[in-house]
Amino acid sequence: MATTIVFASSLLVVSALIITKAIELKREKKNMILGILSKLDSKSDRFISAIKFKSLQLVQSIRYLALVRSKEIFNESFNNVKEKIKEELRTKHNIIIMGRKEIASKGSASFYLKKITEDKNNGEKGKIEDGL
């Protein structure tokens, strides 16, 4: 409904301007309404050039964000992922090849480690016994 109203009003205004211009050309005299509208031409040109400049600024800003900043953000996230992968590979290397493993302090292995350290403190060689 709103589209129809806007279209009809625009068509009416354009038709009125065309009819007044036709009358002006037929009588070969300046029309007062068109004279007033022609005075607004320089102001509308300045307004359009200002809008064009602002839109170009906006396009350049978006282009900067899309091309330059997105590349920096991608590189940062890529480096973070690369560091995580390196750390995970280092951890797996320590576990599989070197035999080192992170042991939780409250886990079942901590009982055996405590027993080994107690045996070492008594001067005996530390070892894990299978039987309790």
N, C-alpha and C. Protein backbone atom coordinates (compact mmCIF):
# COMPACT_ATOMS: atom_id res chain seq x y z
N MET A 1 0.82 -1.19 0.00
CA MET A 1 0.00 0.00 0.00
C MET A 1 0.87 1.26 0.00
N ALA A 2 1.91 1.26 0.85
CA ALA A 2 2.79 2.43 0.93
C ALA A 2 3.54 2.62 -0.38
N THR A 3 3.93 1.52 -1.02
CA THR A 3 4.65 1.60 -2.29
C THR A 3 3.77 2.25 -3.36
N THR A 4 2.52 1.89 -3.37
CA THR A 4 1.58 2.45 -4.34
C THR A 4 1.41 3.95 -4.12
N ILE A 5 1.30 4.36 -2.87
CA ILE A 5 1.11 5.78 -2.55
C ILE A 5 2.35 6.58 -2.94
N VAL A 6 3.53 6.06 -2.63
CA VAL A 6 4.77 6.76 -2.97
C VAL A 6 4.93 6.86 -4.49
N PHE A 7 4.65 5.77 -5.18
CA PHE A 7 4.76 5.78 -6.64
C PHE A 7 3.78 6.77 -7.26
N ALA A 8 2.54 6.76 -6.79
CA ALA A 8 1.52 7.66 -7.34
C ALA A 8 1.88 9.12 -7.09
N SER A 9 2.37 9.43 -5.89
CA SER A 9 2.72 10.82 -5.59
C SER A 9 3.94 11.25 -6.41
N SER A 10 4.92 10.37 -6.59
CA SER A 10 6.09 10.71 -7.42
C SER A 10 5.68 10.93 -8.86
N LEU A 11 4.80 10.08 -9.36
CA LEU A 11 4.32 10.23 -10.73
C LEU A 11 3.56 11.55 -10.90
N LEU A 12 2.78 11.93 -9.91
CA LEU A 12 2.03 13.18 -9.96
C LEU A 12 2.97 14.39 -9.99
N VAL A 13 4.02 14.37 -9.16
CA VAL A 13 4.97 15.49 -9.11
C VAL A 13 5.73 15.59 -10.42
N VAL A 14 6.19 14.47 -10.94
CA VAL A 14 6.93 14.48 -12.21
C VAL A 14 6.03 14.95 -13.35
N SER A 15 4.80 14.51 -13.36
CA SER A 15 3.86 14.94 -14.40
C SER A 15 3.63 16.45 -14.32
N ALA A 16 3.50 16.98 -13.13
CA ALA A 16 3.30 18.41 -12.95
C ALA A 16 4.50 19.19 -13.45
N LEU A 17 5.72 18.73 -13.16
CA LEU A 17 6.92 19.42 -13.63
C LEU A 17 7.03 19.38 -15.15
N ILE A 18 6.70 18.25 -15.75
CA ILE A 18 6.75 18.13 -17.21
C ILE A 18 5.72 19.07 -17.86
N ILE A 19 4.54 19.13 -17.30
CA ILE A 19 3.49 20.00 -17.86
C ILE A 19 3.89 21.47 -17.74
N THR A 20 4.46 21.87 -16.58
CA THR A 20 4.89 23.27 -16.43
C THR A 20 6.03 23.60 -17.38
N LYS A 21 6.95 22.67 -17.61
CA LYS A 21 8.03 22.91 -18.56
C LYS A 21 7.49 23.01 -19.98
N ALA A 22 6.50 22.20 -20.31
CA ALA A 22 5.90 22.27 -21.65
C ALA A 22 5.20 23.62 -21.85
N ILE A 23 4.51 24.10 -20.82
CA ILE A 23 3.84 25.41 -20.91
C ILE A 23 4.88 26.50 -21.06
N GLU A 24 5.99 26.41 -20.31
CA GLU A 24 7.06 27.42 -20.39
C GLU A 24 7.66 27.46 -21.80
N LEU A 25 7.90 26.31 -22.39
CA LEU A 25 8.46 26.26 -23.74
C LEU A 25 7.46 26.78 -24.78
N LYS A 26 6.18 26.53 -24.59
CA LYS A 26 5.16 26.97 -25.53
C LYS A 26 5.01 28.49 -25.50
N ARG A 27 5.02 29.08 -24.30
CA ARG A 27 4.84 30.53 -24.15
C ARG A 27 6.16 31.30 -24.27
N GLU A 28 7.28 30.60 -24.22
CA GLU A 28 8.62 31.20 -24.30
C GLU A 28 8.86 32.23 -23.20
N LYS A 29 8.29 32.00 -22.03
CA LYS A 29 8.48 32.85 -20.86
C LYS A 29 8.94 31.97 -19.70
N LYS A 30 9.75 32.56 -18.79
CA LYS A 30 10.21 31.83 -17.61
C LYS A 30 9.04 31.62 -16.65
N ASN A 31 8.93 30.41 -16.18
CA ASN A 31 7.91 30.09 -15.19
C ASN A 31 8.47 30.38 -13.80
N MET A 32 7.66 30.93 -12.93
CA MET A 32 8.12 31.31 -11.59
C MET A 32 8.50 30.07 -10.76
N ILE A 33 7.75 29.01 -10.86
CA ILE A 33 8.01 27.78 -10.08
C ILE A 33 9.32 27.15 -10.52
N LEU A 34 9.52 27.07 -11.85
CA LEU A 34 10.77 26.49 -12.34
C LEU A 34 11.96 27.40 -12.06
N GLY A 35 11.76 28.69 -12.00
CA GLY A 35 12.84 29.63 -11.63
C GLY A 35 13.31 29.41 -10.20
N ILE A 36 12.35 29.17 -9.30
CA ILE A 36 12.71 28.89 -7.89
C ILE A 36 13.45 27.56 -7.78
N LEU A 37 12.96 26.57 -8.52
CA LEU A 37 13.62 25.27 -8.48
C LEU A 37 15.02 25.32 -9.08
N SER A 38 15.23 26.17 -10.10
CA SER A 38 16.56 26.25 -10.71
C SER A 38 17.57 26.91 -9.77
N LYS A 39 17.10 27.73 -8.83
CA LYS A 39 18.02 28.33 -7.85
C LYS A 39 18.56 27.28 -6.86
N LEU A 40 17.84 26.19 -6.72
CA LEU A 40 18.27 25.12 -5.81
C LEU A 40 19.29 24.18 -6.45
N ASP A 41 19.56 24.35 -7.75
CA ASP A 41 20.47 23.44 -8.45
C ASP A 41 21.88 23.44 -7.85
N SER A 42 22.43 24.60 -7.56
CA SER A 42 23.80 24.65 -7.03
C SER A 42 23.86 24.02 -5.63
N LYS A 43 22.83 24.25 -4.84
CA LYS A 43 22.80 23.64 -3.50
C LYS A 43 22.65 22.13 -3.59
N SER A 44 21.85 21.67 -4.53
CA SER A 44 21.68 20.22 -4.68
C SER A 44 22.97 19.59 -5.20
N ASP A 45 23.70 20.31 -6.08
CA ASP A 45 24.99 19.78 -6.56
C ASP A 45 25.99 19.63 -5.41
N ARG A 46 26.05 20.64 -4.55
CA ARG A 46 26.94 20.54 -3.38
C ARG A 46 26.52 19.42 -2.44
N PHE A 47 25.21 19.27 -2.25
CA PHE A 47 24.70 18.21 -1.38
C PHE A 47 25.03 16.83 -1.94
N ILE A 48 24.86 16.67 -3.24
CA ILE A 48 25.15 15.38 -3.88
C ILE A 48 26.64 15.08 -3.83
N SER A 49 27.50 16.09 -4.05
CA SER A 49 28.95 15.85 -3.98
C SER A 49 29.37 15.51 -2.55
N ALA A 50 28.74 16.13 -1.55
CA ALA A 50 29.06 15.79 -0.15
C ALA A 50 28.65 14.36 0.17
N ILE A 51 27.47 13.95 -0.31
CA ILE A 51 27.02 12.57 -0.10
C ILE A 51 27.95 11.59 -0.80
N LYS A 52 28.38 11.95 -2.00
CA LYS A 52 29.30 11.09 -2.76
C LYS A 52 30.62 10.93 -2.01
N PHE A 53 31.14 12.04 -1.48
CA PHE A 53 32.40 11.99 -0.73
C PHE A 53 32.26 11.12 0.52
N LYS A 54 31.17 11.29 1.25
CA LYS A 54 30.97 10.48 2.46
C LYS A 54 30.81 9.00 2.13
N SER A 55 30.12 8.72 1.03
CA SER A 55 29.96 7.31 0.65
C SER A 55 31.29 6.70 0.23
N LEU A 56 32.14 7.46 -0.46
CA LEU A 56 33.47 6.97 -0.82
C LEU A 56 34.33 6.73 0.43
N GLN A 57 34.21 7.62 1.41
CA GLN A 57 34.92 7.42 2.68
C GLN A 57 34.46 6.13 3.35
N LEU A 58 33.17 5.90 3.35
CA LEU A 58 32.62 4.70 3.96
C LEU A 58 33.12 3.46 3.23
N VAL A 59 33.14 3.50 1.91
CA VAL A 59 33.62 2.36 1.13
C VAL A 59 35.09 2.10 1.43
N GLN A 60 35.90 3.16 1.52
CA GLN A 60 37.32 2.98 1.82
C GLN A 60 37.53 2.40 3.22
N SER A 61 36.73 2.84 4.17
CA SER A 61 36.84 2.31 5.54
C SER A 61 36.49 0.83 5.58
N ILE A 62 35.41 0.47 4.91
CA ILE A 62 35.01 -0.93 4.87
C ILE A 62 36.06 -1.77 4.15
N ARG A 63 36.60 -1.24 3.08
CA ARG A 63 37.64 -1.96 2.34
C ARG A 63 38.88 -2.15 3.20
N TYR A 64 39.26 -1.13 3.98
CA TYR A 64 40.40 -1.26 4.88
C TYR A 64 40.15 -2.35 5.91
N LEU A 65 38.96 -2.32 6.50
CA LEU A 65 38.63 -3.33 7.50
C LEU A 65 38.61 -4.72 6.89
N ALA A 66 38.05 -4.83 5.71
CA ALA A 66 37.91 -6.15 5.09
C ALA A 66 39.25 -6.70 4.62
N LEU A 67 40.10 -5.87 4.06
CA LEU A 67 41.34 -6.37 3.48
C LEU A 67 42.52 -6.37 4.46
N VAL A 68 42.74 -5.25 5.14
CA VAL A 68 43.94 -5.12 5.97
C VAL A 68 43.74 -5.74 7.35
N ARG A 69 42.71 -5.31 8.04
CA ARG A 69 42.51 -5.81 9.41
C ARG A 69 42.15 -7.29 9.44
N SER A 70 41.37 -7.76 8.46
CA SER A 70 41.02 -9.18 8.45
C SER A 70 42.26 -10.04 8.24
N LYS A 71 43.21 -9.55 7.46
CA LYS A 71 44.46 -10.29 7.26
C LYS A 71 45.25 -10.37 8.57
N GLU A 72 45.31 -9.27 9.31
CA GLU A 72 46.02 -9.27 10.60
C GLU A 72 45.34 -10.21 11.60
N ILE A 73 44.02 -10.16 11.65
CA ILE A 73 43.28 -11.03 12.58
C ILE A 73 43.46 -12.49 12.19
N PHE A 74 43.43 -12.79 10.89
CA PHE A 74 43.64 -14.16 10.42
C PHE A 74 45.04 -14.64 10.79
N ASN A 75 46.05 -13.78 10.61
CA ASN A 75 47.42 -14.18 10.95
C ASN A 75 47.57 -14.44 12.44
N GLU A 76 46.94 -13.61 13.28
CA GLU A 76 47.00 -13.82 14.73
C GLU A 76 46.35 -15.14 15.12
N SER A 77 45.16 -15.41 14.57
CA SER A 77 44.47 -16.65 14.92
C SER A 77 45.23 -17.85 14.37
N PHE A 78 45.83 -17.73 13.19
CA PHE A 78 46.63 -18.81 12.61
C PHE A 78 47.84 -19.10 13.49
N ASN A 79 48.50 -18.05 13.98
CA ASN A 79 49.66 -18.25 14.87
C ASN A 79 49.25 -18.89 16.19
N ASN A 80 48.09 -18.53 16.72
CA ASN A 80 47.60 -19.15 17.96
C ASN A 80 47.34 -20.63 17.75
N VAL A 81 46.71 -20.98 16.64
CA VAL A 81 46.43 -22.39 16.35
C VAL A 81 47.74 -23.15 16.15
N LYS A 82 48.69 -22.53 15.49
CA LYS A 82 49.98 -23.16 15.25
C LYS A 82 50.71 -23.43 16.57
N GLU A 83 50.65 -22.48 17.49
CA GLU A 83 51.28 -22.66 18.80
C GLU A 83 50.60 -23.78 19.59
N LYS A 84 49.27 -23.86 19.52
CA LYS A 84 48.55 -24.94 20.21
C LYS A 84 48.94 -26.30 19.65
N ILE A 85 49.06 -26.37 18.32
CA ILE A 85 49.46 -27.64 17.69
C ILE A 85 50.88 -28.01 18.10
N LYS A 86 51.78 -27.03 18.12
CA LYS A 86 53.16 -27.31 18.54
C LYS A 86 53.20 -27.82 19.97
N GLU A 87 52.43 -27.19 20.85
CA GLU A 87 52.41 -27.60 22.26
C GLU A 87 51.85 -29.01 22.41
N GLU A 88 50.80 -29.32 21.64
CA GLU A 88 50.22 -30.65 21.71
C GLU A 88 51.20 -31.70 21.18
N LEU A 89 51.89 -31.38 20.09
CA LEU A 89 52.89 -32.31 19.57
C LEU A 89 54.05 -32.50 20.54
N ARG A 90 54.46 -31.43 21.20
CA ARG A 90 55.53 -31.51 22.20
C ARG A 90 55.10 -32.39 23.36
N THR A 91 53.85 -32.25 23.79
CA THR A 91 53.32 -33.07 24.89
C THR A 91 53.27 -34.53 24.48
N LYS A 92 52.78 -34.81 23.28
CA LYS A 92 52.72 -36.20 22.81
C LYS A 92 54.13 -36.78 22.66
N HIS A 93 55.07 -35.97 22.20
CA HIS A 93 56.45 -36.43 22.07
C HIS A 93 57.02 -36.80 23.43
N ASN A 94 56.75 -35.98 24.44
CA ASN A 94 57.25 -36.27 25.79
C ASN A 94 56.62 -37.53 26.35
N ILE A 95 55.34 -37.75 26.05
CA ILE A 95 54.66 -38.94 26.59
C ILE A 95 55.11 -40.20 25.88
N ILE A 96 55.08 -40.20 24.55
CA ILE A 96 55.32 -41.41 23.77
C ILE A 96 56.81 -41.76 23.71
N ILE A 97 57.64 -40.82 23.32
CA ILE A 97 59.05 -41.12 23.08
C ILE A 97 59.88 -41.00 24.35
N MET A 98 59.71 -39.94 25.09
CA MET A 98 60.55 -39.69 26.25
C MET A 98 60.04 -40.37 27.51
N GLY A 99 58.81 -40.80 27.54
CA GLY A 99 58.27 -41.49 28.70
C GLY A 99 57.86 -40.56 29.82
N ARG A 100 57.82 -39.28 29.60
CA ARG A 100 57.39 -38.32 30.63
C ARG A 100 55.89 -38.15 30.54
N LYS A 101 55.28 -38.00 31.70
CA LYS A 101 53.83 -37.83 31.71
C LYS A 101 53.45 -36.94 32.88
N GLU A 102 52.47 -36.10 32.64
CA GLU A 102 51.95 -35.27 33.72
C GLU A 102 51.04 -36.14 34.58
N ILE A 103 51.32 -36.15 35.87
CA ILE A 103 50.54 -36.99 36.79
C ILE A 103 49.74 -36.07 37.71
N ALA A 104 48.45 -36.35 37.82
CA ALA A 104 47.60 -35.56 38.70
C ALA A 104 47.97 -35.83 40.15
N SER A 105 47.91 -34.80 40.98
CA SER A 105 48.36 -34.95 42.37
C SER A 105 47.40 -35.80 43.21
N LYS A 106 46.16 -35.90 42.82
CA LYS A 106 45.19 -36.68 43.60
C LYS A 106 44.84 -38.00 42.92
N GLY A 107 45.60 -38.39 41.92
CA GLY A 107 45.29 -39.60 41.18
C GLY A 107 45.81 -40.85 41.88
N SER A 108 45.55 -42.02 41.26
CA SER A 108 45.96 -43.29 41.86
C SER A 108 47.47 -43.47 41.81
N ALA A 109 48.13 -42.86 40.84
CA ALA A 109 49.59 -42.99 40.73
C ALA A 109 50.30 -42.25 41.85
N SER A 110 49.67 -41.26 42.45
CA SER A 110 50.34 -40.49 43.49
C SER A 110 50.63 -41.36 44.72
N PHE A 111 49.83 -42.39 44.97
CA PHE A 111 50.09 -43.31 46.09
C PHE A 111 51.40 -44.05 45.87
N TYR A 112 51.62 -44.55 44.65
CA TYR A 112 52.86 -45.27 44.34
C TYR A 112 54.06 -44.34 44.39
N LEU A 113 53.90 -43.12 43.87
CA LEU A 113 55.01 -42.18 43.91
C LEU A 113 55.37 -41.82 45.34
N LYS A 114 54.37 -41.70 46.20
CA LYS A 114 54.62 -41.40 47.60
C LYS A 114 55.38 -42.55 48.25
N LYS A 115 55.01 -43.78 47.93
CA LYS A 115 55.67 -44.94 48.48
C LYS A 115 57.13 -45.01 48.02
N ILE A 116 57.40 -44.67 46.76
CA ILE A 116 58.77 -44.66 46.24
C ILE A 116 59.60 -43.62 46.97
N THR A 117 59.06 -42.43 47.17
CA THR A 117 59.84 -41.39 47.84
C THR A 117 60.09 -41.75 49.29
N GLU A 118 59.15 -42.43 49.96
CA GLU A 118 59.37 -42.86 51.34
C GLU A 118 60.49 -43.89 51.40
N ASP A 119 60.49 -44.83 50.42
CA ASP A 119 61.55 -45.84 50.38
C ASP A 119 62.90 -45.20 50.10
N LYS A 120 62.96 -44.18 49.25
CA LYS A 120 64.22 -43.50 48.94
C LYS A 120 64.72 -42.76 50.17
N ASN A 121 63.82 -42.21 50.97
CA ASN A 121 64.23 -41.48 52.17
C ASN A 121 64.83 -42.42 53.22
N ASN A 122 64.41 -43.69 53.22
CA ASN A 122 64.94 -44.66 54.18
C ASN A 122 66.29 -45.22 53.72
N GLY A 123 66.77 -44.81 52.57
CA GLY A 123 68.05 -45.30 52.08
C GLY A 123 67.92 -46.49 51.18
N GLU A 124 66.75 -46.99 50.98
CA GLU A 124 66.56 -48.13 50.09
C GLU A 124 66.31 -47.63 48.67
N LYS A 125 66.47 -48.54 47.73
CA LYS A 125 66.20 -48.20 46.34
C LYS A 125 64.69 -48.18 46.14
N GLY A 126 64.17 -47.12 45.50
CA GLY A 126 62.74 -47.01 45.30
C GLY A 126 62.26 -47.92 44.20
N LYS A 127 61.16 -48.62 44.42
CA LYS A 127 60.56 -49.47 43.42
C LYS A 127 59.07 -49.61 43.70
N ILE A 128 58.35 -49.96 42.68
CA ILE A 128 56.90 -50.15 42.83
C ILE A 128 56.66 -51.65 42.98
N GLU A 129 55.91 -52.01 44.03
CA GLU A 129 55.59 -53.41 44.27
C GLU A 129 54.21 -53.70 43.73
N ASP A 130 54.06 -54.86 43.16
CA ASP A 130 52.76 -55.22 42.59
C ASP A 130 51.75 -55.55 43.68
N GLY A 131 52.14 -56.22 44.70
CA GLY A 131 51.21 -56.61 45.76
C GLY A 131 51.14 -55.56 46.84
N LEU A 132 49.98 -55.43 47.44
CA LEU A 132 49.82 -54.48 48.53
C LEU A 132 50.07 -55.13 49.79
